[in-house]
Amino acid sequence: MSIYKFDEMPLYQQLKCVRHMNNLTQAQLVEKLGLPDVPTLSRIERGEVGIPLHHRKNIREFVFGSGEEE
């Protein structure tokens, strides 16, 4: 088993990790991010397809935060 540093993982792996850390199902994340469906998210999280450009900003904000102070 390999151990990776979070910041060295590809975005699709970071997405899956953050989803798990937030105890979200794939269906919940699909709704939150406005993705087309669960199978699309599943393929993204496995690295089988790239992250659609029009969803990349929302995914990065979910993974890394919005960058705004609360």
N, C-alpha and C. Protein backbone atom coordinates (compact mmCIF):
# COMPACT_ATOMS: atom_id res chain seq x y z
N MET A 1 0.85 -1.19 0.00
CA MET A 1 0.00 0.00 0.00
C MET A 1 0.88 1.24 0.00
N SER A 2 0.55 2.17 -0.84
CA SER A 2 1.31 3.41 -0.94
C SER A 2 0.70 4.48 -0.05
N ILE A 3 1.54 5.33 0.47
CA ILE A 3 1.09 6.47 1.24
C ILE A 3 1.43 7.72 0.44
N TYR A 4 0.41 8.54 0.20
CA TYR A 4 0.59 9.76 -0.58
C TYR A 4 0.36 10.98 0.29
N LYS A 5 1.05 12.04 -0.06
CA LYS A 5 0.76 13.33 0.55
C LYS A 5 -0.40 13.92 -0.24
N PHE A 6 -1.35 14.49 0.48
CA PHE A 6 -2.55 15.03 -0.14
C PHE A 6 -2.22 15.99 -1.27
N ASP A 7 -1.28 16.90 -1.03
CA ASP A 7 -0.97 17.92 -2.04
C ASP A 7 -0.24 17.36 -3.26
N GLU A 8 0.19 16.10 -3.19
CA GLU A 8 0.84 15.47 -4.34
C GLU A 8 -0.12 14.60 -5.14
N MET A 9 -1.34 14.44 -4.63
CA MET A 9 -2.34 13.62 -5.32
C MET A 9 -2.94 14.41 -6.48
N PRO A 10 -3.39 13.70 -7.51
CA PRO A 10 -4.15 14.38 -8.57
C PRO A 10 -5.48 14.88 -8.00
N LEU A 11 -6.05 15.87 -8.64
CA LEU A 11 -7.29 16.50 -8.16
C LEU A 11 -8.41 15.48 -7.98
N TYR A 12 -8.52 14.50 -8.87
CA TYR A 12 -9.61 13.54 -8.74
C TYR A 12 -9.49 12.71 -7.46
N GLN A 13 -8.26 12.40 -7.03
CA GLN A 13 -8.06 11.67 -5.77
C GLN A 13 -8.32 12.57 -4.57
N GLN A 14 -7.91 13.82 -4.68
CA GLN A 14 -8.19 14.78 -3.61
C GLN A 14 -9.69 14.95 -3.43
N LEU A 15 -10.42 14.99 -4.54
CA LEU A 15 -11.87 15.13 -4.50
C LEU A 15 -12.49 13.98 -3.71
N LYS A 16 -12.08 12.77 -4.00
CA LYS A 16 -12.63 11.60 -3.31
C LYS A 16 -12.29 11.64 -1.83
N CYS A 17 -11.06 12.01 -1.49
CA CYS A 17 -10.65 12.10 -0.08
C CYS A 17 -11.50 13.11 0.68
N VAL A 18 -11.67 14.29 0.10
CA VAL A 18 -12.44 15.34 0.77
C VAL A 18 -13.90 14.94 0.90
N ARG A 19 -14.43 14.27 -0.12
CA ARG A 19 -15.81 13.78 -0.04
C ARG A 19 -15.96 12.83 1.15
N HIS A 20 -15.02 11.91 1.28
CA HIS A 20 -15.06 10.97 2.40
C HIS A 20 -14.89 11.68 3.75
N MET A 21 -13.98 12.64 3.81
CA MET A 21 -13.75 13.37 5.06
C MET A 21 -14.99 14.15 5.49
N ASN A 22 -15.81 14.56 4.51
CA ASN A 22 -17.04 15.30 4.80
C ASN A 22 -18.25 14.39 4.92
N ASN A 23 -18.01 13.08 4.90
CA ASN A 23 -19.08 12.09 5.02
C ASN A 23 -20.22 12.32 4.03
N LEU A 24 -19.85 12.62 2.79
CA LEU A 24 -20.84 12.82 1.74
C LEU A 24 -20.90 11.59 0.84
N THR A 25 -22.10 11.24 0.42
CA THR A 25 -22.24 10.19 -0.59
C THR A 25 -21.95 10.82 -1.95
N GLN A 26 -21.75 9.95 -2.93
CA GLN A 26 -21.55 10.48 -4.28
C GLN A 26 -22.79 11.24 -4.74
N ALA A 27 -23.98 10.74 -4.40
CA ALA A 27 -25.21 11.42 -4.80
C ALA A 27 -25.30 12.81 -4.18
N GLN A 28 -24.89 12.94 -2.93
CA GLN A 28 -24.92 14.25 -2.27
C GLN A 28 -23.94 15.21 -2.94
N LEU A 29 -22.76 14.71 -3.29
CA LEU A 29 -21.76 15.57 -3.91
C LEU A 29 -22.18 15.97 -5.33
N VAL A 30 -22.79 15.05 -6.04
CA VAL A 30 -23.30 15.37 -7.39
C VAL A 30 -24.26 16.55 -7.30
N GLU A 31 -25.17 16.49 -6.32
CA GLU A 31 -26.14 17.58 -6.16
C GLU A 31 -25.44 18.88 -5.75
N LYS A 32 -24.50 18.79 -4.83
CA LYS A 32 -23.80 19.98 -4.33
C LYS A 32 -22.99 20.66 -5.43
N LEU A 33 -22.35 19.87 -6.29
CA LEU A 33 -21.46 20.43 -7.32
C LEU A 33 -22.16 20.64 -8.66
N GLY A 34 -23.38 20.14 -8.80
CA GLY A 34 -24.09 20.30 -10.07
C GLY A 34 -23.55 19.41 -11.17
N LEU A 35 -22.98 18.26 -10.80
CA LEU A 35 -22.50 17.32 -11.80
C LEU A 35 -23.69 16.58 -12.42
N PRO A 36 -23.51 16.01 -13.60
CA PRO A 36 -24.65 15.38 -14.29
C PRO A 36 -25.28 14.21 -13.53
N ASP A 37 -24.45 13.30 -12.99
CA ASP A 37 -25.00 12.11 -12.34
C ASP A 37 -23.90 11.39 -11.56
N VAL A 38 -24.31 10.40 -10.77
CA VAL A 38 -23.37 9.64 -9.94
C VAL A 38 -22.36 8.87 -10.78
N PRO A 39 -22.77 8.21 -11.87
CA PRO A 39 -21.75 7.50 -12.67
C PRO A 39 -20.64 8.42 -13.18
N THR A 40 -20.99 9.66 -13.52
CA THR A 40 -19.96 10.61 -13.96
C THR A 40 -18.98 10.89 -12.84
N LEU A 41 -19.49 11.16 -11.64
CA LEU A 41 -18.61 11.40 -10.49
C LEU A 41 -17.76 10.18 -10.20
N SER A 42 -18.34 9.01 -10.27
CA SER A 42 -17.60 7.79 -10.01
C SER A 42 -16.43 7.64 -10.99
N ARG A 43 -16.67 7.90 -12.26
CA ARG A 43 -15.60 7.81 -13.25
C ARG A 43 -14.53 8.88 -13.01
N ILE A 44 -14.95 10.07 -12.59
CA ILE A 44 -13.98 11.13 -12.27
C ILE A 44 -13.11 10.70 -11.10
N GLU A 45 -13.74 10.19 -10.02
CA GLU A 45 -12.99 9.80 -8.83
C GLU A 45 -12.03 8.63 -9.09
N ARG A 46 -12.31 7.82 -10.08
CA ARG A 46 -11.41 6.72 -10.43
C ARG A 46 -10.36 7.15 -11.44
N GLY A 47 -10.46 8.37 -11.93
CA GLY A 47 -9.48 8.87 -12.90
C GLY A 47 -9.71 8.35 -14.31
N GLU A 48 -10.90 7.81 -14.56
CA GLU A 48 -11.20 7.25 -15.89
C GLU A 48 -11.54 8.34 -16.90
N VAL A 49 -12.07 9.46 -16.41
CA VAL A 49 -12.37 10.60 -17.27
C VAL A 49 -11.85 11.86 -16.60
N GLY A 50 -11.55 12.84 -17.40
CA GLY A 50 -11.10 14.10 -16.84
C GLY A 50 -12.26 14.89 -16.24
N ILE A 51 -11.91 15.85 -15.42
CA ILE A 51 -12.93 16.72 -14.82
C ILE A 51 -13.36 17.72 -15.89
N PRO A 52 -14.66 17.77 -16.20
CA PRO A 52 -15.13 18.72 -17.21
C PRO A 52 -14.72 20.15 -16.82
N LEU A 53 -14.25 20.89 -17.79
CA LEU A 53 -13.76 22.24 -17.52
C LEU A 53 -14.78 23.12 -16.83
N HIS A 54 -16.06 22.98 -17.21
CA HIS A 54 -17.08 23.86 -16.64
C HIS A 54 -17.42 23.47 -15.19
N HIS A 55 -16.89 22.37 -14.68
CA HIS A 55 -17.10 21.98 -13.29
C HIS A 55 -15.82 22.11 -12.45
N ARG A 56 -14.72 22.37 -13.11
CA ARG A 56 -13.43 22.40 -12.43
C ARG A 56 -13.38 23.43 -11.29
N LYS A 57 -13.93 24.62 -11.51
CA LYS A 57 -13.89 25.67 -10.48
C LYS A 57 -14.65 25.22 -9.22
N ASN A 58 -15.85 24.69 -9.39
CA ASN A 58 -16.63 24.24 -8.23
C ASN A 58 -15.93 23.10 -7.50
N ILE A 59 -15.32 22.21 -8.24
CA ILE A 59 -14.62 21.08 -7.61
C ILE A 59 -13.41 21.59 -6.84
N ARG A 60 -12.65 22.49 -7.43
CA ARG A 60 -11.48 23.05 -6.72
C ARG A 60 -11.91 23.79 -5.46
N GLU A 61 -13.01 24.53 -5.52
CA GLU A 61 -13.50 25.23 -4.33
C GLU A 61 -13.94 24.24 -3.26
N PHE A 62 -14.56 23.13 -3.67
CA PHE A 62 -14.96 22.11 -2.70
C PHE A 62 -13.72 21.49 -2.04
N VAL A 63 -12.72 21.17 -2.83
CA VAL A 63 -11.52 20.51 -2.32
C VAL A 63 -10.67 21.45 -1.47
N PHE A 64 -10.46 22.67 -1.94
CA PHE A 64 -9.51 23.58 -1.29
C PHE A 64 -10.17 24.72 -0.53
N GLY A 65 -11.49 24.82 -0.58
CA GLY A 65 -12.19 25.95 0.05
C GLY A 65 -12.29 27.09 -0.93
N SER A 66 -13.13 28.02 -0.60
CA SER A 66 -13.39 29.13 -1.52
C SER A 66 -12.27 30.18 -1.49
N GLY A 67 -11.43 30.11 -0.47
CA GLY A 67 -10.37 31.10 -0.36
C GLY A 67 -10.81 32.37 0.32
N GLU A 68 -12.09 32.44 0.72
CA GLU A 68 -12.61 33.62 1.38
C GLU A 68 -12.60 33.40 2.88
N GLU A 69 -12.32 34.43 3.61
CA GLU A 69 -12.35 34.37 5.07
C GLU A 69 -13.81 34.33 5.53
N GLU A 70 -14.09 33.54 6.55
CA GLU A 70 -15.45 33.49 7.08
C GLU A 70 -15.57 34.34 8.30
